[in-house]
Amino acid sequence: MLVQWNKYAERLGQKGLKIMESILLINDPVLNGTSITYELPNEGSKLEFESQMNALLGHLRGHLHNHDITIEVIVNEKVEAKRSFNDQDRYNRLHEINPNIELLRSTFGLDLPT
């Protein structure tokens, strides 16, 4: 689910919808059965998210072959945006999403810039 969520965000960014892309990448959604819970830092982000939520649901339902998926949005003013600040943080985040990145790194002898 997280991979499809991130692909959708990336596709929005490529279409020029940078605000919606950044809203989708503020936090990782939490999956509980067929319900996705997503925390946002403020009411404005929630309104923007909800305006595009049907398209996101359509994407997730289609790609995950599950039409029971729902999204619940929670506003938590105390949520801090999770941002990667250096190359190691970015690599760790990518590794969380797809552990096979380590195989790619070792196969091609890649190192993180210092």
PDB file of N, CA and C in Angstrom:
ATOM      1  N   MET A   1       0.824  -1.182   0.000  1.00  0.00           N
ATOM      2  CA  MET A   1       0.000   0.000   0.000  1.00  0.00           C
ATOM      3  C   MET A   1       0.875   1.255   0.000  1.00  0.00           C
ATOM      4  N   LEU A   2       1.925   1.235   0.807  1.00  0.00           N
ATOM      5  CA  LEU A   2       2.814   2.395   0.897  1.00  0.00           C
ATOM      6  C   LEU A   2       3.506   2.682  -0.438  1.00  0.00           C
ATOM      7  N   VAL A   3       3.883   1.638  -1.152  1.00  0.00           N
ATOM      8  CA  VAL A   3       4.535   1.824  -2.455  1.00  0.00           C
ATOM      9  C   VAL A   3       3.581   2.518  -3.422  1.00  0.00           C
ATOM     10  N   GLN A   4       2.325   2.074  -3.469  1.00  0.00           N
ATOM     11  CA  GLN A   4       1.344   2.695  -4.360  1.00  0.00           C
ATOM     12  C   GLN A   4       1.037   4.130  -3.932  1.00  0.00           C
ATOM     13  N   TRP A   5       0.991   4.374  -2.633  1.00  0.00           N
ATOM     14  CA  TRP A   5       0.768   5.718  -2.112  1.00  0.00           C
ATOM     15  C   TRP A   5       1.872   6.660  -2.615  1.00  0.00           C
ATOM     16  N   ASN A   6       3.123   6.201  -2.484  1.00  0.00           N
ATOM     17  CA  ASN A   6       4.262   7.020  -2.911  1.00  0.00           C
ATOM     18  C   ASN A   6       4.304   7.194  -4.427  1.00  0.00           C
ATOM     19  N   LYS A   7       3.923   6.161  -5.171  1.00  0.00           N
ATOM     20  CA  LYS A   7       3.874   6.281  -6.641  1.00  0.00           C
ATOM     21  C   LYS A   7       2.845   7.323  -7.051  1.00  0.00           C
ATOM     22  N   TYR A   8       1.714   7.324  -6.379  1.00  0.00           N
ATOM     23  CA  TYR A   8       0.666   8.296  -6.690  1.00  0.00           C
ATOM     24  C   TYR A   8       1.162   9.712  -6.393  1.00  0.00           C
ATOM     25  N   ALA A   9       1.825   9.885  -5.260  1.00  0.00           N
ATOM     26  CA  ALA A   9       2.373  11.195  -4.901  1.00  0.00           C
ATOM     27  C   ALA A   9       3.388  11.652  -5.945  1.00  0.00           C
ATOM     28  N   GLU A  10       4.238  10.745  -6.372  1.00  0.00           N
ATOM     29  CA  GLU A  10       5.245  11.075  -7.380  1.00  0.00           C
ATOM     30  C   GLU A  10       4.579  11.494  -8.693  1.00  0.00           C
ATOM     31  N   ARG A  11       3.535  10.772  -9.076  1.00  0.00           N
ATOM     32  CA  ARG A  11       2.827  11.089 -10.314  1.00  0.00           C
ATOM     33  C   ARG A  11       2.188  12.478 -10.233  1.00  0.00           C
ATOM     34  N   LEU A  12       1.641  12.825  -9.060  1.00  0.00           N
ATOM     35  CA  LEU A  12       1.073  14.163  -8.891  1.00  0.00           C
ATOM     36  C   LEU A  12       2.157  15.228  -9.029  1.00  0.00           C
ATOM     37  N   GLY A  13       3.326  14.961  -8.467  1.00  0.00           N
ATOM     38  CA  GLY A  13       4.439  15.900  -8.581  1.00  0.00           C
ATOM     39  C   GLY A  13       4.860  16.111 -10.019  1.00  0.00           C
ATOM     40  N   GLN A  14       4.858  15.037 -10.797  1.00  0.00           N
ATOM     41  CA  GLN A  14       5.224  15.141 -12.211  1.00  0.00           C
ATOM     42  C   GLN A  14       4.189  15.932 -13.010  1.00  0.00           C
ATOM     43  N   LYS A  15       2.939  15.913 -12.540  1.00  0.00           N
ATOM     44  CA  LYS A  15       1.871  16.674 -13.199  1.00  0.00           C
ATOM     45  C   LYS A  15       1.854  18.134 -12.758  1.00  0.00           C
ATOM     46  N   GLY A  16       2.719  18.491 -11.792  1.00  0.00           N
ATOM     47  CA  GLY A  16       2.792  19.860 -11.327  1.00  0.00           C
ATOM     48  C   GLY A  16       1.984  20.137 -10.069  1.00  0.00           C
ATOM     49  N   LEU A  17       1.382  19.124  -9.489  1.00  0.00           N
ATOM     50  CA  LEU A  17       0.599  19.292  -8.261  1.00  0.00           C
ATOM     51  C   LEU A  17       1.501  19.081  -7.050  1.00  0.00           C
ATOM     52  N   LYS A  18       2.451  19.992  -6.876  1.00  0.00           N
ATOM     53  CA  LYS A  18       3.474  19.853  -5.840  1.00  0.00           C
ATOM     54  C   LYS A  18       2.900  19.942  -4.427  1.00  0.00           C
ATOM     55  N   ILE A  19       1.876  20.751  -4.235  1.00  0.00           N
ATOM     56  CA  ILE A  19       1.299  20.883  -2.889  1.00  0.00           C
ATOM     57  C   ILE A  19       0.685  19.560  -2.455  1.00  0.00           C
ATOM     58  N   MET A  20      -0.094  18.960  -3.344  1.00  0.00           N
ATOM     59  CA  MET A  20      -0.717  17.683  -2.996  1.00  0.00           C
ATOM     60  C   MET A  20       0.345  16.597  -2.813  1.00  0.00           C
ATOM     61  N   GLU A  21       1.383  16.622  -3.630  1.00  0.00           N
ATOM     62  CA  GLU A  21       2.474  15.664  -3.479  1.00  0.00           C
ATOM     63  C   GLU A  21       3.101  15.789  -2.094  1.00  0.00           C
ATOM     64  N   SER A  22       3.364  17.022  -1.663  1.00  0.00           N
ATOM     65  CA  SER A  22       3.997  17.204  -0.354  1.00  0.00           C
ATOM     66  C   SER A  22       3.055  16.815   0.783  1.00  0.00           C
ATOM     67  N   ILE A  23       1.755  17.040   0.610  1.00  0.00           N
ATOM     68  CA  ILE A  23       0.795  16.624   1.635  1.00  0.00           C
ATOM     69  C   ILE A  23       0.803  15.105   1.770  1.00  0.00           C
ATOM     70  N   LEU A  24       0.882  14.388   0.658  1.00  0.00           N
ATOM     71  CA  LEU A  24       0.899  12.925   0.702  1.00  0.00           C
ATOM     72  C   LEU A  24       2.194  12.383   1.311  1.00  0.00           C
ATOM     73  N   LEU A  25       3.253  13.174   1.275  1.00  0.00           N
ATOM     74  CA  LEU A  25       4.541  12.697   1.783  1.00  0.00           C
ATOM     75  C   LEU A  25       4.877  13.240   3.175  1.00  0.00           C
ATOM     76  N   ILE A  26       3.960  13.975   3.792  1.00  0.00           N
ATOM     77  CA  ILE A  26       4.199  14.509   5.143  1.00  0.00           C
ATOM     78  C   ILE A  26       4.435  13.376   6.126  1.00  0.00           C
ATOM     79  N   ASN A  27       3.609  12.367   6.067  1.00  0.00           N
ATOM     80  CA  ASN A  27       3.633  11.238   7.000  1.00  0.00           C
ATOM     81  C   ASN A  27       3.415   9.953   6.224  1.00  0.00           C
ATOM     82  N   ASP A  28       3.699   8.854   6.852  1.00  0.00           N
ATOM     83  CA  ASP A  28       3.323   7.567   6.269  1.00  0.00           C
ATOM     84  C   ASP A  28       1.925   7.209   6.732  1.00  0.00           C
ATOM     85  N   PRO A  29       1.071   6.765   5.814  1.00  0.00           N
ATOM     86  CA  PRO A  29      -0.261   6.334   6.224  1.00  0.00           C
ATOM     87  C   PRO A  29      -0.167   5.028   7.013  1.00  0.00           C
ATOM     88  N   VAL A  30      -1.153   4.795   7.879  1.00  0.00           N
ATOM     89  CA  VAL A  30      -1.183   3.580   8.689  1.00  0.00           C
ATOM     90  C   VAL A  30      -2.341   2.720   8.201  1.00  0.00           C
ATOM     91  N   LEU A  31      -2.032   1.480   7.840  1.00  0.00           N
ATOM     92  CA  LEU A  31      -3.042   0.560   7.334  1.00  0.00           C
ATOM     93  C   LEU A  31      -3.515  -0.340   8.462  1.00  0.00           C
ATOM     94  N   ASN A  32      -4.835  -0.400   8.642  1.00  0.00           N
ATOM     95  CA  ASN A  32      -5.440  -1.273   9.639  1.00  0.00           C
ATOM     96  C   ASN A  32      -6.586  -2.008   8.956  1.00  0.00           C
ATOM     97  N   GLY A  33      -6.317  -3.219   8.485  1.00  0.00           N
ATOM     98  CA  GLY A  33      -7.314  -3.952   7.700  1.00  0.00           C
ATOM     99  C   GLY A  33      -7.478  -3.276   6.352  1.00  0.00           C
ATOM    100  N   THR A  34      -8.674  -2.785   6.068  1.00  0.00           N
ATOM    101  CA  THR A  34      -8.908  -2.063   4.816  1.00  0.00           C
ATOM    102  C   THR A  34      -9.046  -0.560   5.056  1.00  0.00           C
ATOM    103  N   SER A  35      -8.772  -0.116   6.272  1.00  0.00           N
ATOM    104  CA  SER A  35      -8.875   1.299   6.612  1.00  0.00           C
ATOM    105  C   SER A  35      -7.486   1.917   6.703  1.00  0.00           C
ATOM    106  N   ILE A  36      -7.312   3.020   6.015  1.00  0.00           N
ATOM    107  CA  ILE A  36      -6.050   3.753   6.046  1.00  0.00           C
ATOM    108  C   ILE A  36      -6.260   4.994   6.905  1.00  0.00           C
ATOM    109  N   THR A  37      -5.419   5.164   7.905  1.00  0.00           N
ATOM    110  CA  THR A  37      -5.471   6.349   8.754  1.00  0.00           C
ATOM    111  C   THR A  37      -4.300   7.245   8.379  1.00  0.00           C
ATOM    112  N   TYR A  38      -4.609   8.514   8.148  1.00  0.00           N
ATOM    113  CA  TYR A  38      -3.565   9.445   7.734  1.00  0.00           C
ATOM    114  C   TYR A  38      -3.634  10.703   8.600  1.00  0.00           C
ATOM    115  N   GLU A  39      -2.532  11.044   9.240  1.00  0.00           N
ATOM    116  CA  GLU A  39      -2.461  12.224  10.097  1.00  0.00           C
ATOM    117  C   GLU A  39      -1.880  13.399   9.331  1.00  0.00           C
ATOM    118  N   LEU A  40      -2.533  14.536   9.470  1.00  0.00           N
ATOM    119  CA  LEU A  40      -2.062  15.766   8.848  1.00  0.00           C
ATOM    120  C   LEU A  40      -1.867  16.831   9.918  1.00  0.00           C
ATOM    121  N   PRO A  41      -0.975  17.793   9.677  1.00  0.00           N
ATOM    122  CA  PRO A  41      -0.625  18.759  10.715  1.00  0.00           C
ATOM    123  C   PRO A  41      -1.629  19.897  10.924  1.00  0.00           C
ATOM    124  N   ASN A  42      -2.525  20.132   9.945  1.00  0.00           N
ATOM    125  CA  ASN A  42      -3.469  21.240  10.126  1.00  0.00           C
ATOM    126  C   ASN A  42      -4.718  21.049   9.275  1.00  0.00           C
ATOM    127  N   GLU A  43      -5.705  21.872   9.551  1.00  0.00           N
ATOM    128  CA  GLU A  43      -7.003  21.768   8.882  1.00  0.00           C
ATOM    129  C   GLU A  43      -6.897  22.120   7.397  1.00  0.00           C
ATOM    130  N   GLY A  44      -6.025  23.044   7.045  1.00  0.00           N
ATOM    131  CA  GLY A  44      -5.837  23.419   5.639  1.00  0.00           C
ATOM    132  C   GLY A  44      -5.328  22.255   4.807  1.00  0.00           C
ATOM    133  N   SER A  45      -4.371  21.518   5.362  1.00  0.00           N
ATOM    134  CA  SER A  45      -3.859  20.334   4.672  1.00  0.00           C
ATOM    135  C   SER A  45      -4.958  19.293   4.513  1.00  0.00           C
ATOM    136  N   LYS A  46      -5.793  19.171   5.540  1.00  0.00           N
ATOM    137  CA  LYS A  46      -6.888  18.202   5.489  1.00  0.00           C
ATOM    138  C   LYS A  46      -7.866  18.557   4.368  1.00  0.00           C
ATOM    139  N   LEU A  47      -8.219  19.832   4.254  1.00  0.00           N
ATOM    140  CA  LEU A  47      -9.143  20.258   3.201  1.00  0.00           C
ATOM    141  C   LEU A  47      -8.575  19.991   1.810  1.00  0.00           C
ATOM    142  N   GLU A  48      -7.301  20.300   1.620  1.00  0.00           N
ATOM    143  CA  GLU A  48      -6.652  20.046   0.327  1.00  0.00           C
ATOM    144  C   GLU A  48      -6.613  18.551   0.036  1.00  0.00           C
ATOM    145  N   PHE A  49      -6.265  17.757   1.048  1.00  0.00           N
ATOM    146  CA  PHE A  49      -6.195  16.310   0.898  1.00  0.00           C
ATOM    147  C   PHE A  49      -7.567  15.747   0.526  1.00  0.00           C
ATOM    148  N   GLU A  50      -8.598  16.182   1.250  1.00  0.00           N
ATOM    149  CA  GLU A  50      -9.939  15.657   1.004  1.00  0.00           C
ATOM    150  C   GLU A  50     -10.460  16.032  -0.377  1.00  0.00           C
ATOM    151  N   SER A  51     -10.001  17.160  -0.934  1.00  0.00           N
ATOM    152  CA  SER A  51     -10.438  17.545  -2.277  1.00  0.00           C
ATOM    153  C   SER A  51      -9.892  16.591  -3.341  1.00  0.00           C
ATOM    154  N   GLN A  52      -8.798  15.920  -3.040  1.00  0.00           N
ATOM    155  CA  GLN A  52      -8.174  14.991  -3.988  1.00  0.00           C
ATOM    156  C   GLN A  52      -8.290  13.530  -3.546  1.00  0.00           C
ATOM    157  N   MET A  53      -8.987  13.289  -2.447  1.00  0.00           N
ATOM    158  CA  MET A  53      -9.013  11.951  -1.847  1.00  0.00           C
ATOM    159  C   MET A  53      -9.672  10.907  -2.747  1.00  0.00           C
ATOM    160  N   ASN A  54     -10.723  11.282  -3.482  1.00  0.00           N
ATOM    161  CA  ASN A  54     -11.402  10.295  -4.330  1.00  0.00           C
ATOM    162  C   ASN A  54     -10.486   9.748  -5.420  1.00  0.00           C
ATOM    163  N   ALA A  55      -9.663  10.607  -5.982  1.00  0.00           N
ATOM    164  CA  ALA A  55      -8.716  10.154  -7.008  1.00  0.00           C
ATOM    165  C   ALA A  55      -7.680   9.210  -6.396  1.00  0.00           C
ATOM    166  N   LEU A  56      -7.203   9.540  -5.202  1.00  0.00           N
ATOM    167  CA  LEU A  56      -6.249   8.671  -4.506  1.00  0.00           C
ATOM    168  C   LEU A  56      -6.881   7.327  -4.187  1.00  0.00           C
ATOM    169  N   LEU A  57      -8.108   7.350  -3.687  1.00  0.00           N
ATOM    170  CA  LEU A  57      -8.806   6.098  -3.382  1.00  0.00           C
ATOM    171  C   LEU A  57      -8.966   5.252  -4.637  1.00  0.00           C
ATOM    172  N   GLY A  58      -9.321   5.876  -5.744  1.00  0.00           N
ATOM    173  CA  GLY A  58      -9.454   5.143  -7.002  1.00  0.00           C
ATOM    174  C   GLY A  58      -8.150   4.483  -7.408  1.00  0.00           C
ATOM    175  N   HIS A  59      -7.057   5.208  -7.255  1.00  0.00           N
ATOM    176  CA  HIS A  59      -5.736   4.667  -7.592  1.00  0.00           C
ATOM    177  C   HIS A  59      -5.400   3.471  -6.700  1.00  0.00           C
ATOM    178  N   LEU A  60      -5.573   3.654  -5.387  1.00  0.00           N
ATOM    179  CA  LEU A  60      -5.229   2.576  -4.449  1.00  0.00           C
ATOM    180  C   LEU A  60      -6.121   1.358  -4.655  1.00  0.00           C
ATOM    181  N   ARG A  61      -7.415   1.583  -4.792  1.00  0.00           N
ATOM    182  CA  ARG A  61      -8.341   0.461  -4.975  1.00  0.00           C
ATOM    183  C   ARG A  61      -8.026  -0.307  -6.245  1.00  0.00           C
ATOM    184  N   GLY A  62      -7.720   0.398  -7.315  1.00  0.00           N
ATOM    185  CA  GLY A  62      -7.409  -0.260  -8.578  1.00  0.00           C
ATOM    186  C   GLY A  62      -6.107  -1.035  -8.536  1.00  0.00           C
ATOM    187  N   HIS A  63      -5.059  -0.421  -8.014  1.00  0.00           N
ATOM    188  CA  HIS A  63      -3.752  -1.064  -8.010  1.00  0.00           C
ATOM    189  C   HIS A  63      -3.609  -2.146  -6.945  1.00  0.00           C
ATOM    190  N   LEU A  64      -4.383  -2.029  -5.861  1.00  0.00           N
ATOM    191  CA  LEU A  64      -4.313  -3.035  -4.800  1.00  0.00           C
ATOM    192  C   LEU A  64      -5.415  -4.077  -4.932  1.00  0.00           C
ATOM    193  N   HIS A  65      -6.285  -3.898  -5.937  1.00  0.00           N
ATOM    194  CA  HIS A  65      -7.389  -4.840  -6.199  1.00  0.00           C
ATOM    195  C   HIS A  65      -8.232  -5.059  -4.949  1.00  0.00           C
ATOM    196  N   ASN A  66      -8.562  -3.960  -4.272  1.00  0.00           N
ATOM    197  CA  ASN A  66      -9.365  -4.036  -3.061  1.00  0.00           C
ATOM    198  C   ASN A  66     -10.271  -2.808  -3.014  1.00  0.00           C
ATOM    199  N   HIS A  67     -11.554  -3.016  -3.281  1.00  0.00           N
ATOM    200  CA  HIS A  67     -12.485  -1.895  -3.352  1.00  0.00           C
ATOM    201  C   HIS A  67     -13.116  -1.558  -2.002  1.00  0.00           C
ATOM    202  N   ASP A  68     -12.636  -2.169  -0.937  1.00  0.00           N
ATOM    203  CA  ASP A  68     -13.140  -1.887   0.410  1.00  0.00           C
ATOM    204  C   ASP A  68     -12.288  -0.859   1.143  1.00  0.00           C
ATOM    205  N   ILE A  69     -11.223  -0.387   0.514  1.00  0.00           N
ATOM    206  CA  ILE A  69     -10.293   0.542   1.159  1.00  0.00           C
ATOM    207  C   ILE A  69     -10.987   1.869   1.455  1.00  0.00           C
ATOM    208  N   THR A  70     -10.776   2.359   2.662  1.00  0.00           N
ATOM    209  CA  THR A  70     -11.269   3.678   3.057  1.00  0.00           C
ATOM    210  C   THR A  70     -10.105   4.464   3.665  1.00  0.00           C
ATOM    211  N   ILE A  71     -10.242   5.789   3.676  1.00  0.00           N
ATOM    212  CA  ILE A  71      -9.206   6.635   4.257  1.00  0.00           C
ATOM    213  C   ILE A  71      -9.852   7.525   5.314  1.00  0.00           C
ATOM    214  N   GLU A  72      -9.256   7.518   6.506  1.00  0.00           N
ATOM    215  CA  GLU A  72      -9.692   8.392   7.589  1.00  0.00           C
ATOM    216  C   GLU A  72      -8.584   9.411   7.824  1.00  0.00           C
ATOM    217  N   VAL A  73      -8.952  10.676   7.819  1.00  0.00           N
ATOM    218  CA  VAL A  73      -7.981  11.755   7.997  1.00  0.00           C
ATOM    219  C   VAL A  73      -8.096  12.310   9.409  1.00  0.00           C
ATOM    220  N   ILE A  74      -6.965  12.402  10.079  1.00  0.00           N
ATOM    221  CA  ILE A  74      -6.907  12.934  11.440  1.00  0.00           C
ATOM    222  C   ILE A  74      -6.016  14.168  11.425  1.00  0.00           C
ATOM    223  N   VAL A  75      -6.493  15.237  12.026  1.00  0.00           N
ATOM    224  CA  VAL A  75      -5.676  16.451  12.151  1.00  0.00           C
ATOM    225  C   VAL A  75      -5.018  16.420  13.523  1.00  0.00           C
ATOM    226  N   ASN A  76      -3.707  16.464  13.520  1.00  0.00           N
ATOM    227  CA  ASN A  76      -2.933  16.454  14.751  1.00  0.00           C
ATOM    228  C   ASN A  76      -1.967  17.628  14.669  1.00  0.00           C
ATOM    229  N   GLU A  77      -2.289  18.688  15.356  1.00  0.00           N
ATOM    230  CA  GLU A  77      -1.476  19.908  15.298  1.00  0.00           C
ATOM    231  C   GLU A  77      -0.041  19.675  15.760  1.00  0.00           C
ATOM    232  N   LYS A  78       0.198  18.594  16.483  1.00  0.00           N
ATOM    233  CA  LYS A  78       1.528  18.329  17.013  1.00  0.00           C
ATOM    234  C   LYS A  78       2.379  17.472  16.089  1.00  0.00           C
ATOM    235  N   VAL A  79       1.827  17.041  14.947  1.00  0.00           N
ATOM    236  CA  VAL A  79       2.587  16.215  14.005  1.00  0.00           C
ATOM    237  C   VAL A  79       3.703  17.048  13.413  1.00  0.00           C
ATOM    238  N   GLU A  80       4.896  16.492  13.434  1.00  0.00           N
ATOM    239  CA  GLU A  80       6.037  17.151  12.806  1.00  0.00           C
ATOM    240  C   GLU A  80       6.303  16.458  11.481  1.00  0.00           C
ATOM    241  N   ALA A  81       6.551  17.230  10.469  1.00  0.00           N
ATOM    242  CA  ALA A  81       6.835  16.654   9.160  1.00  0.00           C
ATOM    243  C   ALA A  81       8.128  15.852   9.236  1.00  0.00           C
ATOM    244  N   LYS A  82       8.082  14.660   8.671  1.00  0.00           N
ATOM    245  CA  LYS A  82       9.272  13.812   8.642  1.00  0.00           C
ATOM    246  C   LYS A  82      10.006  14.090   7.341  1.00  0.00           C
ATOM    247  N   ARG A  83      11.131  14.760   7.465  1.00  0.00           N
ATOM    248  CA  ARG A  83      11.887  15.102   6.271  1.00  0.00           C
ATOM    249  C   ARG A  83      13.295  14.554   6.404  1.00  0.00           C
ATOM    250  N   SER A  84      13.834  14.122   5.291  1.00  0.00           N
ATOM    251  CA  SER A  84      15.210  13.646   5.256  1.00  0.00           C
ATOM    252  C   SER A  84      16.118  14.839   5.007  1.00  0.00           C
ATOM    253  N   PHE A  85      17.149  14.958   5.823  1.00  0.00           N
ATOM    254  CA  PHE A  85      18.013  16.122   5.703  1.00  0.00           C
ATOM    255  C   PHE A  85      19.354  15.818   5.052  1.00  0.00           C
ATOM    256  N   ASN A  86      19.837  14.588   5.144  1.00  0.00           N
ATOM    257  CA  ASN A  86      21.120  14.289   4.507  1.00  0.00           C
ATOM    258  C   ASN A  86      20.998  12.983   3.716  1.00  0.00           C
ATOM    259  N   ASP A  87      22.074  12.632   3.020  1.00  0.00           N
ATOM    260  CA  ASP A  87      22.035  11.454   2.159  1.00  0.00           C
ATOM    261  C   ASP A  87      21.773  10.172   2.940  1.00  0.00           C
ATOM    262  N   GLN A  88      22.341  10.049   4.131  1.00  0.00           N
ATOM    263  CA  GLN A  88      22.129   8.844   4.938  1.00  0.00           C
ATOM    264  C   GLN A  88      20.665   8.727   5.356  1.00  0.00           C
ATOM    265  N   ASP A  89      20.045   9.843   5.737  1.00  0.00           N
ATOM    266  CA  ASP A  89      18.628   9.833   6.097  1.00  0.00           C
ATOM    267  C   ASP A  89      17.759   9.431   4.905  1.00  0.00           C
ATOM    268  N   ARG A  90      18.083   9.973   3.740  1.00  0.00           N
ATOM    269  CA  ARG A  90      17.327   9.625   2.530  1.00  0.00           C
ATOM    270  C   ARG A  90      17.484   8.140   2.207  1.00  0.00           C
ATOM    271  N   TYR A  91      18.714   7.643   2.315  1.00  0.00           N
ATOM    272  CA  TYR A  91      18.948   6.219   2.056  1.00  0.00           C
ATOM    273  C   TYR A  91      18.176   5.356   3.047  1.00  0.00           C
ATOM    274  N   ASN A  92      18.203   5.717   4.324  1.00  0.00           N
ATOM    275  CA  ASN A  92      17.469   4.951   5.336  1.00  0.00           C
ATOM    276  C   ASN A  92      15.978   4.944   5.037  1.00  0.00           C
ATOM    277  N   ARG A  93      15.446   6.068   4.591  1.00  0.00           N
ATOM    278  CA  ARG A  93      14.019   6.158   4.256  1.00  0.00           C
ATOM    279  C   ARG A  93      13.702   5.259   3.061  1.00  0.00           C
ATOM    280  N   LEU A  94      14.526   5.306   2.037  1.00  0.00           N
ATOM    281  CA  LEU A  94      14.316   4.437   0.870  1.00  0.00           C
ATOM    282  C   LEU A  94      14.431   2.969   1.263  1.00  0.00           C
ATOM    283  N   HIS A  95      15.360   2.665   2.162  1.00  0.00           N
ATOM    284  CA  HIS A  95      15.542   1.285   2.623  1.00  0.00           C
ATOM    285  C   HIS A  95      14.310   0.805   3.386  1.00  0.00           C
ATOM    286  N   GLU A  96      13.657   1.704   4.144  1.00  0.00           N
ATOM    287  CA  GLU A  96      12.416   1.343   4.832  1.00  0.00           C
ATOM    288  C   GLU A  96      11.325   0.990   3.824  1.00  0.00           C
ATOM    289  N   ILE A  97      11.243   1.766   2.752  1.00  0.00           N
ATOM    290  CA  ILE A  97      10.220   1.538   1.739  1.00  0.00           C
ATOM    291  C   ILE A  97      10.509   0.265   0.955  1.00  0.00           C
ATOM    292  N   ASN A  98      11.771   0.061   0.562  1.00  0.00           N
ATOM    293  CA  ASN A  98      12.126  -1.100  -0.238  1.00  0.00           C
ATOM    294  C   ASN A  98      13.513  -1.606   0.183  1.00  0.00           C
ATOM    295  N   PRO A  99      13.553  -2.663   0.993  1.00  0.00           N
ATOM    296  CA  PRO A  99      14.836  -3.187   1.471  1.00  0.00           C
ATOM    297  C   PRO A  99      15.758  -3.682   0.356  1.00  0.00           C
ATOM    298  N   ASN A 100      15.227  -3.928  -0.843  1.00  0.00           N
ATOM    299  CA  ASN A 100      16.058  -4.387  -1.954  1.00  0.00           C
ATOM    300  C   ASN A 100      17.042  -3.336  -2.434  1.00  0.00           C
ATOM    301  N   ILE A 101      16.919  -2.107  -1.941  1.00  0.00           N
ATOM    302  CA  ILE A 101      17.857  -1.063  -2.335  1.00  0.00           C
ATOM    303  C   ILE A 101      19.276  -1.400  -1.870  1.00  0.00           C
ATOM    304  N   GLU A 102      19.376  -2.141  -0.780  1.00  0.00           N
ATOM    305  CA  GLU A 102      20.697  -2.567  -0.292  1.00  0.00           C
ATOM    306  C   GLU A 102      21.358  -3.495  -1.312  1.00  0.00           C
ATOM    307  N   LEU A 103      20.578  -4.396  -1.916  1.00  0.00           N
ATOM    308  CA  LEU A 103      21.097  -5.289  -2.955  1.00  0.00           C
ATOM    309  C   LEU A 103      21.592  -4.468  -4.147  1.00  0.00           C
ATOM    310  N   LEU A 104      20.837  -3.478  -4.543  1.00  0.00           N
ATOM    311  CA  LEU A 104      21.230  -2.602  -5.646  1.00  0.00           C
ATOM    312  C   LEU A 104      22.533  -1.878  -5.319  1.00  0.00           C
ATOM    313  N   ARG A 105      22.607  -1.334  -4.100  1.00  0.00           N
ATOM    314  CA  ARG A 105      23.802  -0.601  -3.689  1.00  0.00           C
ATOM    315  C   ARG A 105      25.030  -1.501  -3.697  1.00  0.00           C
ATOM    316  N   SER A 106      24.903  -2.711  -3.143  1.00  0.00           N
ATOM    317  CA  SER A 106      26.056  -3.611  -3.059  1.00  0.00           C
ATOM    318  C   SER A 106      26.422  -4.197  -4.423  1.00  0.00           C
ATOM    319  N   THR A 107      25.440  -4.480  -5.262  1.00  0.00           N
ATOM    320  CA  THR A 107      25.702  -5.047  -6.598  1.00  0.00           C
ATOM    321  C   THR A 107      26.553  -4.110  -7.441  1.00  0.00           C
ATOM    322  N   PHE A 108      26.253  -2.823  -7.378  1.00  0.00           N
ATOM    323  CA  PHE A 108      26.959  -1.858  -8.205  1.00  0.00           C
ATOM    324  C   PHE A 108      28.072  -1.133  -7.447  1.00  0.00           C
ATOM    325  N   GLY A 109      28.347  -1.555  -6.229  1.00  0.00           N
ATOM    326  CA  GLY A 109      29.424  -0.967  -5.445  1.00  0.00           C
ATOM    327  C   GLY A 109      29.214   0.508  -5.167  1.00  0.00           C
ATOM    328  N   LEU A 110      27.970   0.890  -4.906  1.00  0.00           N
ATOM    329  CA  LEU A 110      27.656   2.297  -4.670  1.00  0.00           C
ATOM    330  C   LEU A 110      27.875   2.645  -3.199  1.00  0.00           C
ATOM    331  N   ASP A 111      28.341   3.846  -2.958  1.00  0.00           N
ATOM    332  CA  ASP A 111      28.514   4.359  -1.610  1.00  0.00           C
ATOM    333  C   ASP A 111      27.748   5.664  -1.479  1.00  0.00           C
ATOM    334  N   LEU A 112      27.397   5.994  -0.268  1.00  0.00           N
ATOM    335  CA  LEU A 112      26.739   7.261  -0.027  1.00  0.00           C
ATOM    336  C   LEU A 112      27.779   8.366  -0.026  1.00  0.00           C
ATOM    337  N   PRO A 113      27.459   9.510  -0.639  1.00  0.00           N
ATOM    338  CA  PRO A 113      28.414  10.640  -0.602  1.00  0.00           C
ATOM    339  C   PRO A 113      28.610  11.093   0.848  1.00  0.00           C
ATOM    340  N   THR A 114      29.811  11.529   1.135  1.00  0.00           N
ATOM    341  CA  THR A 114      30.093  12.003   2.496  1.00  0.00           C
ATOM    342  C   THR A 114      30.123  13.491   2.564  1.00  0.00           C
TER     343      THR A 114
END
